[in-house]
Amino acid sequence: MKKEPQYTVCYQLTLAEFQDGHVVNTHQVCHHRLSETPELNEVFTDLYEQFRSPHLLGLQITSIRCQQTAQDYLLA
């Protein structure tokens, strides 16, 4: 039985801190998550839906890597 590959998506969020309705600080946070697709549009849409808020200033996908192991490769 062939197993669908998993992908590790690395991404960076740029978040704002507000005070009295003004941006007073920003910071960036790097994360990663598993995905069943390497399709950039689908991955970006999923991430945007997950993190959508007034504090989100930026979302950057930095890499998408296949998690296929050597054993998975030999069995394919």
PDB file of N, CA and C in Angstrom:
ATOM      1  N   MET A   1       0.848  -1.179   0.000  1.00  0.00           N
ATOM      2  CA  MET A   1       0.000   0.000   0.000  1.00  0.00           C
ATOM      3  C   MET A   1       0.895   1.245   0.000  1.00  0.00           C
ATOM      4  N   LYS A   2       0.669   2.091  -0.975  1.00  0.00           N
ATOM      5  CA  LYS A   2       1.490   3.291  -1.111  1.00  0.00           C
ATOM      6  C   LYS A   2       0.975   4.382  -0.177  1.00  0.00           C
ATOM      7  N   LYS A   3       1.890   4.942   0.584  1.00  0.00           N
ATOM      8  CA  LYS A   3       1.545   6.003   1.531  1.00  0.00           C
ATOM      9  C   LYS A   3       1.792   7.359   0.870  1.00  0.00           C
ATOM     10  N   GLU A   4       0.834   8.269   1.007  1.00  0.00           N
ATOM     11  CA  GLU A   4       0.995   9.614   0.453  1.00  0.00           C
ATOM     12  C   GLU A   4       2.102  10.342   1.210  1.00  0.00           C
ATOM     13  N   PRO A   5       2.947  11.079   0.493  1.00  0.00           N
ATOM     14  CA  PRO A   5       4.030  11.793   1.178  1.00  0.00           C
ATOM     15  C   PRO A   5       3.508  12.925   2.053  1.00  0.00           C
ATOM     16  N   GLN A   6       4.229  13.203   3.096  1.00  0.00           N
ATOM     17  CA  GLN A   6       3.952  14.334   3.972  1.00  0.00           C
ATOM     18  C   GLN A   6       4.993  15.405   3.685  1.00  0.00           C
ATOM     19  N   TYR A   7       4.612  16.652   3.878  1.00  0.00           N
ATOM     20  CA  TYR A   7       5.511  17.763   3.628  1.00  0.00           C
ATOM     21  C   TYR A   7       5.632  18.608   4.887  1.00  0.00           C
ATOM     22  N   THR A   8       6.842  19.046   5.178  1.00  0.00           N
ATOM     23  CA  THR A   8       7.058  19.987   6.272  1.00  0.00           C
ATOM     24  C   THR A   8       7.091  21.381   5.670  1.00  0.00           C
ATOM     25  N   VAL A   9       6.186  22.225   6.150  1.00  0.00           N
ATOM     26  CA  VAL A   9       6.097  23.606   5.684  1.00  0.00           C
ATOM     27  C   VAL A   9       6.681  24.500   6.772  1.00  0.00           C
ATOM     28  N   CYS A  10       7.727  25.230   6.437  1.00  0.00           N
ATOM     29  CA  CYS A  10       8.320  26.204   7.351  1.00  0.00           C
ATOM     30  C   CYS A  10       7.809  27.583   6.941  1.00  0.00           C
ATOM     31  N   TYR A  11       7.387  28.369   7.924  1.00  0.00           N
ATOM     32  CA  TYR A  11       6.824  29.679   7.615  1.00  0.00           C
ATOM     33  C   TYR A  11       7.162  30.670   8.715  1.00  0.00           C
ATOM     34  N   GLN A  12       7.044  31.941   8.366  1.00  0.00           N
ATOM     35  CA  GLN A  12       7.343  33.025   9.298  1.00  0.00           C
ATOM     36  C   GLN A  12       6.147  33.970   9.356  1.00  0.00           C
ATOM     37  N   LEU A  13       5.734  34.293  10.557  1.00  0.00           N
ATOM     38  CA  LEU A  13       4.662  35.258  10.775  1.00  0.00           C
ATOM     39  C   LEU A  13       5.252  36.577  11.253  1.00  0.00           C
ATOM     40  N   THR A  14       4.740  37.674  10.742  1.00  0.00           N
ATOM     41  CA  THR A  14       5.075  38.992  11.272  1.00  0.00           C
ATOM     42  C   THR A  14       3.827  39.495  11.977  1.00  0.00           C
ATOM     43  N   LEU A  15       3.947  39.735  13.274  1.00  0.00           N
ATOM     44  CA  LEU A  15       2.809  40.108  14.113  1.00  0.00           C
ATOM     45  C   LEU A  15       2.998  41.501  14.692  1.00  0.00           C
ATOM     46  N   ALA A  16       1.896  42.202  14.868  1.00  0.00           N
ATOM     47  CA  ALA A  16       1.928  43.564  15.396  1.00  0.00           C
ATOM     48  C   ALA A  16       1.382  43.591  16.815  1.00  0.00           C
ATOM     49  N   GLU A  17       1.943  44.499  17.600  1.00  0.00           N
ATOM     50  CA  GLU A  17       1.399  44.811  18.925  1.00  0.00           C
ATOM     51  C   GLU A  17       0.804  46.206  18.824  1.00  0.00           C
ATOM     52  N   PHE A  18      -0.429  46.344  19.296  1.00  0.00           N
ATOM     53  CA  PHE A  18      -1.140  47.614  19.208  1.00  0.00           C
ATOM     54  C   PHE A  18      -1.263  48.283  20.573  1.00  0.00           C
ATOM     55  N   GLN A  19      -1.275  49.601  20.546  1.00  0.00           N
ATOM     56  CA  GLN A  19      -1.576  50.381  21.735  1.00  0.00           C
ATOM     57  C   GLN A  19      -2.349  51.610  21.264  1.00  0.00           C
ATOM     58  N   ASP A  20      -3.540  51.780  21.786  1.00  0.00           N
ATOM     59  CA  ASP A  20      -4.413  52.891  21.403  1.00  0.00           C
ATOM     60  C   ASP A  20      -4.631  52.941  19.892  1.00  0.00           C
ATOM     61  N   GLY A  21      -4.761  51.777  19.276  1.00  0.00           N
ATOM     62  CA  GLY A  21      -5.046  51.709  17.851  1.00  0.00           C
ATOM     63  C   GLY A  21      -3.859  51.904  16.936  1.00  0.00           C
ATOM     64  N   HIS A  22      -2.659  52.012  17.483  1.00  0.00           N
ATOM     65  CA  HIS A  22      -1.447  52.206  16.685  1.00  0.00           C
ATOM     66  C   HIS A  22      -0.491  51.043  16.892  1.00  0.00           C
ATOM     67  N   VAL A  23       0.227  50.706  15.837  1.00  0.00           N
ATOM     68  CA  VAL A  23       1.244  49.663  15.944  1.00  0.00           C
ATOM     69  C   VAL A  23       2.430  50.227  16.717  1.00  0.00           C
ATOM     70  N   VAL A  24       2.748  49.583  17.845  1.00  0.00           N
ATOM     71  CA  VAL A  24       3.870  50.051  18.665  1.00  0.00           C
ATOM     72  C   VAL A  24       5.073  49.118  18.577  1.00  0.00           C
ATOM     73  N   ASN A  25       4.848  47.924  18.099  1.00  0.00           N
ATOM     74  CA  ASN A  25       5.951  46.973  17.989  1.00  0.00           C
ATOM     75  C   ASN A  25       5.548  45.866  17.026  1.00  0.00           C
ATOM     76  N   THR A  26       6.529  45.285  16.380  1.00  0.00           N
ATOM     77  CA  THR A  26       6.296  44.101  15.556  1.00  0.00           C
ATOM     78  C   THR A  26       7.326  43.051  15.931  1.00  0.00           C
ATOM     79  N   HIS A  27       6.972  41.815  15.708  1.00  0.00           N
ATOM     80  CA  HIS A  27       7.931  40.738  15.910  1.00  0.00           C
ATOM     81  C   HIS A  27       7.633  39.605  14.936  1.00  0.00           C
ATOM     82  N   GLN A  28       8.669  38.827  14.675  1.00  0.00           N
ATOM     83  CA  GLN A  28       8.538  37.718  13.749  1.00  0.00           C
ATOM     84  C   GLN A  28       8.711  36.408  14.495  1.00  0.00           C
ATOM     85  N   VAL A  29       7.904  35.440  14.085  1.00  0.00           N
ATOM     86  CA  VAL A  29       7.920  34.128  14.708  1.00  0.00           C
ATOM     87  C   VAL A  29       8.013  33.081  13.603  1.00  0.00           C
ATOM     88  N   CYS A  30       8.935  32.140  13.751  1.00  0.00           N
ATOM     89  CA  CYS A  30       9.075  31.053  12.787  1.00  0.00           C
ATOM     90  C   CYS A  30       8.399  29.800  13.331  1.00  0.00           C
ATOM     91  N   HIS A  31       7.712  29.099  12.451  1.00  0.00           N
ATOM     92  CA  HIS A  31       7.000  27.870  12.814  1.00  0.00           C
ATOM     93  C   HIS A  31       7.166  26.855  11.699  1.00  0.00           C
ATOM     94  N   HIS A  32       6.705  25.648  11.967  1.00  0.00           N
ATOM     95  CA  HIS A  32       6.585  24.639  10.921  1.00  0.00           C
ATOM     96  C   HIS A  32       5.387  23.761  11.229  1.00  0.00           C
ATOM     97  N   ARG A  33       4.875  23.121  10.188  1.00  0.00           N
ATOM     98  CA  ARG A  33       3.740  22.220  10.337  1.00  0.00           C
ATOM     99  C   ARG A  33       3.775  21.204   9.217  1.00  0.00           C
ATOM    100  N   LEU A  34       3.046  20.119   9.382  1.00  0.00           N
ATOM    101  CA  LEU A  34       2.944  19.107   8.345  1.00  0.00           C
ATOM    102  C   LEU A  34       1.793  19.438   7.413  1.00  0.00           C
ATOM    103  N   SER A  35       1.968  19.086   6.173  1.00  0.00           N
ATOM    104  CA  SER A  35       0.935  19.308   5.167  1.00  0.00           C
ATOM    105  C   SER A  35       0.884  18.077   4.273  1.00  0.00           C
ATOM    106  N   GLU A  36      -0.281  17.828   3.702  1.00  0.00           N
ATOM    107  CA  GLU A  36      -0.424  16.716   2.768  1.00  0.00           C
ATOM    108  C   GLU A  36      -0.200  17.154   1.333  1.00  0.00           C
ATOM    109  N   THR A  37       0.007  18.445   1.110  1.00  0.00           N
ATOM    110  CA  THR A  37       0.211  18.952  -0.240  1.00  0.00           C
ATOM    111  C   THR A  37       1.384  19.937  -0.289  1.00  0.00           C
ATOM    112  N   PRO A  38       2.114  19.940  -1.391  1.00  0.00           N
ATOM    113  CA  PRO A  38       3.157  20.942  -1.571  1.00  0.00           C
ATOM    114  C   PRO A  38       2.655  22.158  -2.364  1.00  0.00           C
ATOM    115  N   GLU A  39       1.360  22.154  -2.725  1.00  0.00           N
ATOM    116  CA  GLU A  39       0.800  23.238  -3.539  1.00  0.00           C
ATOM    117  C   GLU A  39       0.805  24.546  -2.748  1.00  0.00           C
ATOM    118  N   LEU A  40       1.579  25.501  -3.229  1.00  0.00           N
ATOM    119  CA  LEU A  40       1.793  26.758  -2.518  1.00  0.00           C
ATOM    120  C   LEU A  40       0.492  27.492  -2.224  1.00  0.00           C
ATOM    121  N   ASN A  41      -0.419  27.560  -3.188  1.00  0.00           N
ATOM    122  CA  ASN A  41      -1.684  28.274  -2.971  1.00  0.00           C
ATOM    123  C   ASN A  41      -2.505  27.639  -1.857  1.00  0.00           C
ATOM    124  N   GLU A  42      -2.562  26.312  -1.828  1.00  0.00           N
ATOM    125  CA  GLU A  42      -3.333  25.621  -0.791  1.00  0.00           C
ATOM    126  C   GLU A  42      -2.699  25.805   0.584  1.00  0.00           C
ATOM    127  N   VAL A  43      -1.385  25.678   0.648  1.00  0.00           N
ATOM    128  CA  VAL A  43      -0.679  25.825   1.922  1.00  0.00           C
ATOM    129  C   VAL A  43      -0.850  27.248   2.449  1.00  0.00           C
ATOM    130  N   PHE A  44      -0.679  28.239   1.588  1.00  0.00           N
ATOM    131  CA  PHE A  44      -0.811  29.634   2.003  1.00  0.00           C
ATOM    132  C   PHE A  44      -2.233  29.919   2.491  1.00  0.00           C
ATOM    133  N   THR A  45      -3.231  29.427   1.768  1.00  0.00           N
ATOM    134  CA  THR A  45      -4.627  29.644   2.167  1.00  0.00           C
ATOM    135  C   THR A  45      -4.906  29.028   3.531  1.00  0.00           C
ATOM    136  N   ASP A  46      -4.427  27.802   3.760  1.00  0.00           N
ATOM    137  CA  ASP A  46      -4.626  27.139   5.053  1.00  0.00           C
ATOM    138  C   ASP A  46      -3.971  27.931   6.187  1.00  0.00           C
ATOM    139  N   LEU A  47      -2.740  28.385   5.958  1.00  0.00           N
ATOM    140  CA  LEU A  47      -2.039  29.153   6.989  1.00  0.00           C
ATOM    141  C   LEU A  47      -2.730  30.482   7.259  1.00  0.00           C
ATOM    142  N   TYR A  48      -3.154  31.150   6.193  1.00  0.00           N
ATOM    143  CA  TYR A  48      -3.830  32.442   6.365  1.00  0.00           C
ATOM    144  C   TYR A  48      -5.119  32.277   7.158  1.00  0.00           C
ATOM    145  N   GLU A  49      -5.893  31.252   6.846  1.00  0.00           N
ATOM    146  CA  GLU A  49      -7.133  31.004   7.594  1.00  0.00           C
ATOM    147  C   GLU A  49      -6.847  30.713   9.065  1.00  0.00           C
ATOM    148  N   GLN A  50      -5.762  30.009   9.331  1.00  0.00           N
ATOM    149  CA  GLN A  50      -5.413  29.666  10.708  1.00  0.00           C
ATOM    150  C   GLN A  50      -4.985  30.889  11.516  1.00  0.00           C
ATOM    151  N   PHE A  51      -4.229  31.798  10.908  1.00  0.00           N
ATOM    152  CA  PHE A  51      -3.633  32.906  11.650  1.00  0.00           C
ATOM    153  C   PHE A  51      -4.267  34.266  11.370  1.00  0.00           C
ATOM    154  N   ARG A  52      -5.307  34.322  10.561  1.00  0.00           N
ATOM    155  CA  ARG A  52      -5.925  35.594  10.192  1.00  0.00           C
ATOM    156  C   ARG A  52      -6.385  36.351  11.439  1.00  0.00           C
ATOM    157  N   SER A  53      -5.885  37.574  11.581  1.00  0.00           N
ATOM    158  CA  SER A  53      -6.267  38.443  12.685  1.00  0.00           C
ATOM    159  C   SER A  53      -5.754  39.839  12.380  1.00  0.00           C
ATOM    160  N   PRO A  54      -6.228  40.855  13.111  1.00  0.00           N
ATOM    161  CA  PRO A  54      -5.703  42.209  12.906  1.00  0.00           C
ATOM    162  C   PRO A  54      -4.209  42.314  13.239  1.00  0.00           C
ATOM    163  N   HIS A  55      -3.687  41.385  14.012  1.00  0.00           N
ATOM    164  CA  HIS A  55      -2.283  41.420  14.415  1.00  0.00           C
ATOM    165  C   HIS A  55      -1.342  40.861  13.347  1.00  0.00           C
ATOM    166  N   LEU A  56      -1.896  40.148  12.378  1.00  0.00           N
ATOM    167  CA  LEU A  56      -1.068  39.547  11.337  1.00  0.00           C
ATOM    168  C   LEU A  56      -0.698  40.586  10.290  1.00  0.00           C
ATOM    169  N   LEU A  57       0.587  40.898  10.211  1.00  0.00           N
ATOM    170  CA  LEU A  57       1.076  41.846   9.208  1.00  0.00           C
ATOM    171  C   LEU A  57       1.698  41.134   8.014  1.00  0.00           C
ATOM    172  N   GLY A  58       2.218  39.938   8.232  1.00  0.00           N
ATOM    173  CA  GLY A  58       2.866  39.222   7.144  1.00  0.00           C
ATOM    174  C   GLY A  58       2.913  37.736   7.381  1.00  0.00           C
ATOM    175  N   LEU A  59       2.882  37.005   6.289  1.00  0.00           N
ATOM    176  CA  LEU A  59       2.971  35.549   6.326  1.00  0.00           C
ATOM    177  C   LEU A  59       3.867  35.134   5.165  1.00  0.00           C
ATOM    178  N   GLN A  60       4.984  34.492   5.498  1.00  0.00           N
ATOM    179  CA  GLN A  60       5.936  34.095   4.470  1.00  0.00           C
ATOM    180  C   GLN A  60       6.234  32.605   4.610  1.00  0.00           C
ATOM    181  N   ILE A  61       6.040  31.867   3.525  1.00  0.00           N
ATOM    182  CA  ILE A  61       6.422  30.460   3.492  1.00  0.00           C
ATOM    183  C   ILE A  61       7.888  30.421   3.087  1.00  0.00           C
ATOM    184  N   THR A  62       8.722  29.853   3.956  1.00  0.00           N
ATOM    185  CA  THR A  62      10.160  29.856   3.687  1.00  0.00           C
ATOM    186  C   THR A  62      10.645  28.569   3.029  1.00  0.00           C
ATOM    187  N   SER A  63       9.943  27.457   3.263  1.00  0.00           N
ATOM    188  CA  SER A  63      10.318  26.215   2.581  1.00  0.00           C
ATOM    189  C   SER A  63       9.206  25.188   2.710  1.00  0.00           C
ATOM    190  N   ILE A  64       9.201  24.276   1.742  1.00  0.00           N
ATOM    191  CA  ILE A  64       8.318  23.110   1.772  1.00  0.00           C
ATOM    192  C   ILE A  64       9.196  21.921   1.412  1.00  0.00           C
ATOM    193  N   ARG A  65       9.297  20.966   2.344  1.00  0.00           N
ATOM    194  CA  ARG A  65      10.172  19.810   2.145  1.00  0.00           C
ATOM    195  C   ARG A  65       9.379  18.517   2.268  1.00  0.00           C
ATOM    196  N   CYS A  66       9.679  17.581   1.399  1.00  0.00           N
ATOM    197  CA  CYS A  66       9.039  16.271   1.442  1.00  0.00           C
ATOM    198  C   CYS A  66       9.625  15.470   2.596  1.00  0.00           C
ATOM    199  N   GLN A  67       8.762  14.770   3.320  1.00  0.00           N
ATOM    200  CA  GLN A  67       9.204  13.965   4.459  1.00  0.00           C
ATOM    201  C   GLN A  67       9.307  12.498   4.113  1.00  0.00           C
ATOM    202  N   GLN A  68       9.450  12.173   2.836  1.00  0.00           N
ATOM    203  CA  GLN A  68       9.565  10.784   2.419  1.00  0.00           C
ATOM    204  C   GLN A  68      10.878  10.210   2.931  1.00  0.00           C
ATOM    205  N   THR A  69      10.802   9.106   3.633  1.00  0.00           N
ATOM    206  CA  THR A  69      12.001   8.466   4.173  1.00  0.00           C
ATOM    207  C   THR A  69      12.623   7.551   3.123  1.00  0.00           C
ATOM    208  N   ALA A  70      13.813   7.103   3.373  1.00  0.00           N
ATOM    209  CA  ALA A  70      14.493   6.186   2.457  1.00  0.00           C
ATOM    210  C   ALA A  70      13.689   4.899   2.307  1.00  0.00           C
ATOM    211  N   GLN A  71      13.099   4.420   3.388  1.00  0.00           N
ATOM    212  CA  GLN A  71      12.300   3.195   3.333  1.00  0.00           C
ATOM    213  C   GLN A  71      11.068   3.423   2.472  1.00  0.00           C
ATOM    214  N   ASP A  72      10.399   4.576   2.616  1.00  0.00           N
ATOM    215  CA  ASP A  72       9.238   4.895   1.780  1.00  0.00           C
ATOM    216  C   ASP A  72       9.639   4.930   0.312  1.00  0.00           C
ATOM    217  N   TYR A  73      10.819   5.484   0.023  1.00  0.00           N
ATOM    218  CA  TYR A  73      11.307   5.595  -1.333  1.00  0.00           C
ATOM    219  C   TYR A  73      11.529   4.213  -1.957  1.00  0.00           C
ATOM    220  N   LEU A  74      12.096   3.288  -1.166  1.00  0.00           N
ATOM    221  CA  LEU A  74      12.367   1.943  -1.659  1.00  0.00           C
ATOM    222  C   LEU A  74      11.092   1.157  -1.887  1.00  0.00           C
ATOM    223  N   LEU A  75      10.063   1.427  -1.079  1.00  0.00           N
ATOM    224  CA  LEU A  75       8.789   0.704  -1.201  1.00  0.00           C
ATOM    225  C   LEU A  75       7.921   1.246  -2.332  1.00  0.00           C
ATOM    226  N   ALA A  76       8.208   2.456  -2.810  1.00  0.00           N
ATOM    227  CA  ALA A  76       7.362   3.090  -3.841  1.00  0.00           C
ATOM    228  C   ALA A  76       7.539   2.421  -5.192  1.00  0.00           C
TER     229      ALA A  76
END
